[in-house]
Amino acid sequence: MVERSNKQEVNETTLASFKISQELWQRFQARCIEQDSTTPKVLNQLIINYLEQTDKNYTEKNSQLSPMNLEEILTQKLEEIVEDYLQKNLEHYLSHQVENRLDQLIEKVFERHLKFNISDPVRSEPSAPTSPPEQPQPTRSPRKNDILTLKTAKELGEILGVSAPYITTLNRIGELQQRGWEDSGKRRGKTILYKPID
């Protein structure tokens, strides 16, 4: 039987344990960290809130519950309270996590392309001429159409009004073709050369 007393409460603590699904508990811990709190602090407040709500409806029947039944009811109620708490804040939590992941992914992609562009010695060469040279190339003689149409990511970026790393990204996700360009299969060093789609 649970006894209630108006005597001054002794500030003692006890170790409470209850079963809860691992996924639910991990989500709860993550939310507590996000809210700059701890799981014991939040659980204590949830229990206090629950007791305050149920004090008004406290009956003699509830006071005569066996310890086993009381433990099961407490575990169930705690799960319901934690689930309710997560449901109310889940949308904000998920959107925050998605935004962070996207920011990190975009930053990594741009850093990778930036390092590639800086370390690629071909980038320092002058841009391909827009008109055929008057004298033939000393090493090999590419077709005139290739000279006119093949573009590096940097040159193509200037044509389309975007950055060179973004050209590479568009090519990888297949959107570059929608803009009328594609990978020619040819390279200048390590640099991809792009050609207009016929």
Protein backbone atom coordinates (compact mmCIF):
# COMPACT_ATOMS: atom_id res chain seq x y z
CA MET A 1 0.00 0.00 0.00
CA VAL A 2 1.27 3.49 -0.85
CA GLU A 3 1.20 5.83 2.11
CA ARG A 4 1.07 9.58 1.75
CA SER A 5 2.30 11.91 4.45
CA ASN A 6 2.46 15.64 5.02
CA LYS A 7 5.79 15.26 6.84
CA GLN A 8 8.76 17.09 5.39
CA GLU A 9 10.18 14.87 2.64
CA VAL A 10 13.73 13.60 3.04
CA ASN A 11 15.79 14.39 -0.05
CA GLU A 12 16.75 10.81 -0.83
CA THR A 13 17.15 9.23 -4.25
CA THR A 14 16.53 5.73 -5.50
CA LEU A 15 17.54 3.82 -8.60
CA ALA A 16 14.50 3.10 -10.76
CA SER A 17 14.57 0.72 -13.72
CA PHE A 18 11.95 -0.06 -16.32
CA LYS A 19 11.75 -1.71 -19.72
CA ILE A 20 11.46 0.45 -22.84
CA SER A 21 12.23 -0.18 -26.49
CA GLN A 22 15.82 0.62 -27.46
CA GLU A 23 14.76 2.81 -30.39
CA LEU A 24 12.37 4.83 -28.21
CA TRP A 25 15.00 5.28 -25.51
CA GLN A 26 17.68 6.40 -28.00
CA ARG A 27 15.31 8.93 -29.54
CA PHE A 28 14.45 10.19 -26.07
CA GLN A 29 18.14 10.56 -25.14
CA ALA A 30 18.86 12.45 -28.37
CA ARG A 31 15.97 14.83 -27.74
CA CYS A 32 17.16 15.52 -24.18
CA ILE A 33 20.64 16.37 -25.47
CA GLU A 34 19.13 18.61 -28.14
CA GLN A 35 17.15 20.44 -25.45
CA ASP A 36 20.32 20.86 -23.29
CA SER A 37 18.91 18.56 -20.60
CA THR A 38 19.48 15.07 -19.21
CA THR A 39 17.29 11.98 -19.22
CA PRO A 40 17.01 11.85 -15.37
CA LYS A 41 16.02 15.51 -15.21
CA VAL A 42 13.34 15.14 -17.91
CA LEU A 43 12.02 11.89 -16.45
CA ASN A 44 11.80 13.43 -12.97
CA GLN A 45 9.83 16.36 -14.38
CA LEU A 46 7.56 14.05 -16.37
CA ILE A 47 6.84 11.99 -13.23
CA ILE A 48 6.12 15.14 -11.22
CA ASN A 49 3.76 16.36 -13.95
CA TYR A 50 2.05 12.99 -14.07
CA LEU A 51 1.57 12.86 -10.30
CA GLU A 52 0.19 16.39 -10.24
CA GLN A 53 -2.32 15.46 -12.95
CA THR A 54 -3.41 12.27 -11.24
CA ASP A 55 -3.54 13.70 -7.69
CA LYS A 56 -6.98 15.10 -8.42
CA ASN A 57 -8.27 11.67 -9.45
CA TYR A 58 -6.42 9.67 -6.81
CA THR A 59 -8.78 7.05 -5.36
CA GLU A 60 -8.70 4.44 -2.65
CA LYS A 61 -8.61 1.75 -5.31
CA ASN A 62 -5.39 3.14 -6.78
CA SER A 63 -3.77 3.29 -3.35
CA GLN A 64 -4.32 -0.46 -2.81
CA LEU A 65 -2.52 -1.63 -5.96
CA SER A 66 0.12 -4.29 -5.43
CA PRO A 67 3.79 -3.28 -5.97
CA MET A 68 3.95 -5.48 -9.08
CA ASN A 69 0.91 -3.86 -10.67
CA LEU A 70 2.17 -0.43 -9.68
CA GLU A 71 5.51 -1.09 -11.40
CA GLU A 72 3.80 -2.28 -14.59
CA ILE A 73 1.48 0.73 -14.63
CA LEU A 74 4.38 3.12 -14.00
CA THR A 75 6.42 1.56 -16.80
CA GLN A 76 3.48 1.81 -19.21
CA LYS A 77 2.74 5.41 -18.24
CA LEU A 78 6.39 6.42 -18.60
CA GLU A 79 6.48 4.91 -22.08
CA GLU A 80 3.32 6.80 -23.00
CA ILE A 81 4.71 10.06 -21.63
CA VAL A 82 8.04 9.63 -23.44
CA GLU A 83 6.25 8.70 -26.68
CA ASP A 84 3.96 11.72 -26.37
CA TYR A 85 6.93 13.99 -25.72
CA LEU A 86 8.77 12.67 -28.79
CA GLN A 87 5.71 12.91 -31.03
CA LYS A 88 5.22 16.55 -30.13
CA ASN A 89 8.83 17.39 -30.96
CA LEU A 90 9.63 14.80 -33.65
CA GLU A 91 8.98 17.01 -36.67
CA HIS A 92 11.27 19.76 -35.41
CA TYR A 93 13.95 17.21 -34.47
CA LEU A 94 13.85 15.46 -37.86
CA SER A 95 13.91 18.68 -39.88
CA HIS A 96 16.85 19.91 -37.79
CA GLN A 97 18.75 16.65 -38.36
CA VAL A 98 18.01 16.64 -42.12
CA GLU A 99 19.20 20.24 -42.49
CA ASN A 100 22.43 19.45 -40.62
CA ARG A 101 23.10 16.34 -42.74
CA LEU A 102 22.46 18.23 -45.99
CA ASP A 103 24.74 21.09 -44.94
CA GLN A 104 27.52 18.63 -44.06
CA LEU A 105 27.09 16.72 -47.33
CA ILE A 106 27.13 19.87 -49.47
CA GLU A 107 30.19 21.17 -47.62
CA LYS A 108 32.07 17.87 -48.14
CA VAL A 109 31.24 17.77 -51.86
CA PHE A 110 32.38 21.35 -52.43
CA GLU A 111 35.55 20.83 -50.39
CA ARG A 112 36.38 17.72 -52.42
CA HIS A 113 35.85 19.53 -55.72
CA LEU A 114 37.76 22.58 -54.51
CA LYS A 115 40.77 20.43 -53.55
CA PHE A 116 40.56 18.65 -56.90
CA ASN A 117 40.52 21.95 -58.83
CA ILE A 118 43.44 23.39 -56.86
CA SER A 119 45.59 20.25 -57.17
CA ASP A 120 44.84 19.70 -60.89
CA PRO A 121 47.69 21.32 -62.88
CA VAL A 122 45.58 21.29 -66.05
CA ARG A 123 43.36 23.99 -64.49
CA SER A 124 46.23 26.48 -64.75
CA GLU A 125 46.39 26.08 -68.52
CA PRO A 126 44.65 28.70 -70.66
CA SER A 127 41.11 27.96 -71.78
CA ALA A 128 40.57 26.18 -75.04
CA PRO A 129 40.37 28.72 -77.91
CA THR A 130 36.94 29.56 -79.16
CA SER A 131 38.09 29.55 -82.80
CA PRO A 132 40.35 27.10 -84.64
CA PRO A 133 44.07 27.98 -84.38
CA GLU A 134 45.75 29.17 -87.54
CA GLN A 135 48.56 26.63 -87.14
CA PRO A 136 48.01 22.93 -86.40
CA GLN A 137 48.86 21.55 -82.96
CA PRO A 138 52.40 20.10 -82.79
CA THR A 139 51.46 16.87 -80.96
CA ARG A 140 48.10 15.75 -82.35
CA SER A 141 45.54 17.32 -84.57
CA PRO A 142 42.06 17.11 -82.99
CA ARG A 143 39.04 17.67 -85.11
CA LYS A 144 37.87 21.25 -85.39
CA ASN A 145 34.49 20.31 -83.99
CA ASP A 146 36.17 18.96 -80.85
CA ILE A 147 38.09 22.20 -80.31
CA LEU A 148 34.94 24.24 -80.70
CA THR A 149 32.57 22.11 -78.65
CA LEU A 150 34.53 20.31 -75.89
CA LYS A 151 34.48 22.30 -72.68
CA THR A 152 36.01 21.85 -69.24
CA ALA A 153 33.78 22.14 -66.18
CA LYS A 154 35.12 25.66 -65.64
CA GLU A 155 34.37 26.75 -69.21
CA LEU A 156 30.96 25.09 -69.16
CA GLY A 157 30.22 26.71 -65.81
CA GLU A 158 30.86 30.14 -67.37
CA ILE A 159 28.47 29.29 -70.21
CA LEU A 160 25.71 28.03 -67.88
CA GLY A 161 26.36 30.60 -65.17
CA VAL A 162 27.30 28.14 -62.39
CA SER A 163 30.51 27.07 -60.62
CA ALA A 164 32.81 24.32 -61.94
CA PRO A 165 32.13 21.99 -58.96
CA TYR A 166 28.40 22.37 -59.56
CA ILE A 167 28.88 21.19 -63.19
CA THR A 168 30.43 17.98 -61.85
CA THR A 169 27.54 17.56 -59.43
CA LEU A 170 24.97 18.11 -62.22
CA ASN A 171 26.76 15.49 -64.33
CA ARG A 172 26.72 12.94 -61.51
CA ILE A 173 23.02 13.31 -60.78
CA GLY A 174 22.07 13.31 -64.47
CA GLU A 175 20.73 16.87 -64.67
CA LEU A 176 23.49 18.14 -66.96
CA GLN A 177 21.83 16.37 -69.91
CA GLN A 178 18.65 18.34 -69.28
CA ARG A 179 20.72 21.45 -69.89
CA GLY A 180 21.97 20.14 -73.23
CA TRP A 181 25.46 18.87 -72.26
CA GLU A 182 27.02 15.51 -71.48
CA ASP A 183 30.36 13.86 -70.62
CA SER A 184 32.28 13.44 -73.91
CA GLY A 185 34.30 10.51 -72.57
CA LYS A 186 37.47 12.48 -73.30
CA ARG A 187 39.87 13.95 -70.76
CA ARG A 188 42.47 16.68 -70.64
CA GLY A 189 44.76 15.22 -67.99
CA LYS A 190 42.29 14.38 -65.22
CA THR A 191 39.80 17.02 -66.31
CA ILE A 192 36.50 15.84 -67.79
CA LEU A 193 35.61 17.40 -71.14
CA TYR A 194 31.92 18.00 -71.85
CA LYS A 195 30.18 18.24 -75.22
CA PRO A 196 26.78 19.53 -76.29
CA ILE A 197 24.13 16.88 -76.91
CA ASP A 198 23.40 16.54 -80.63
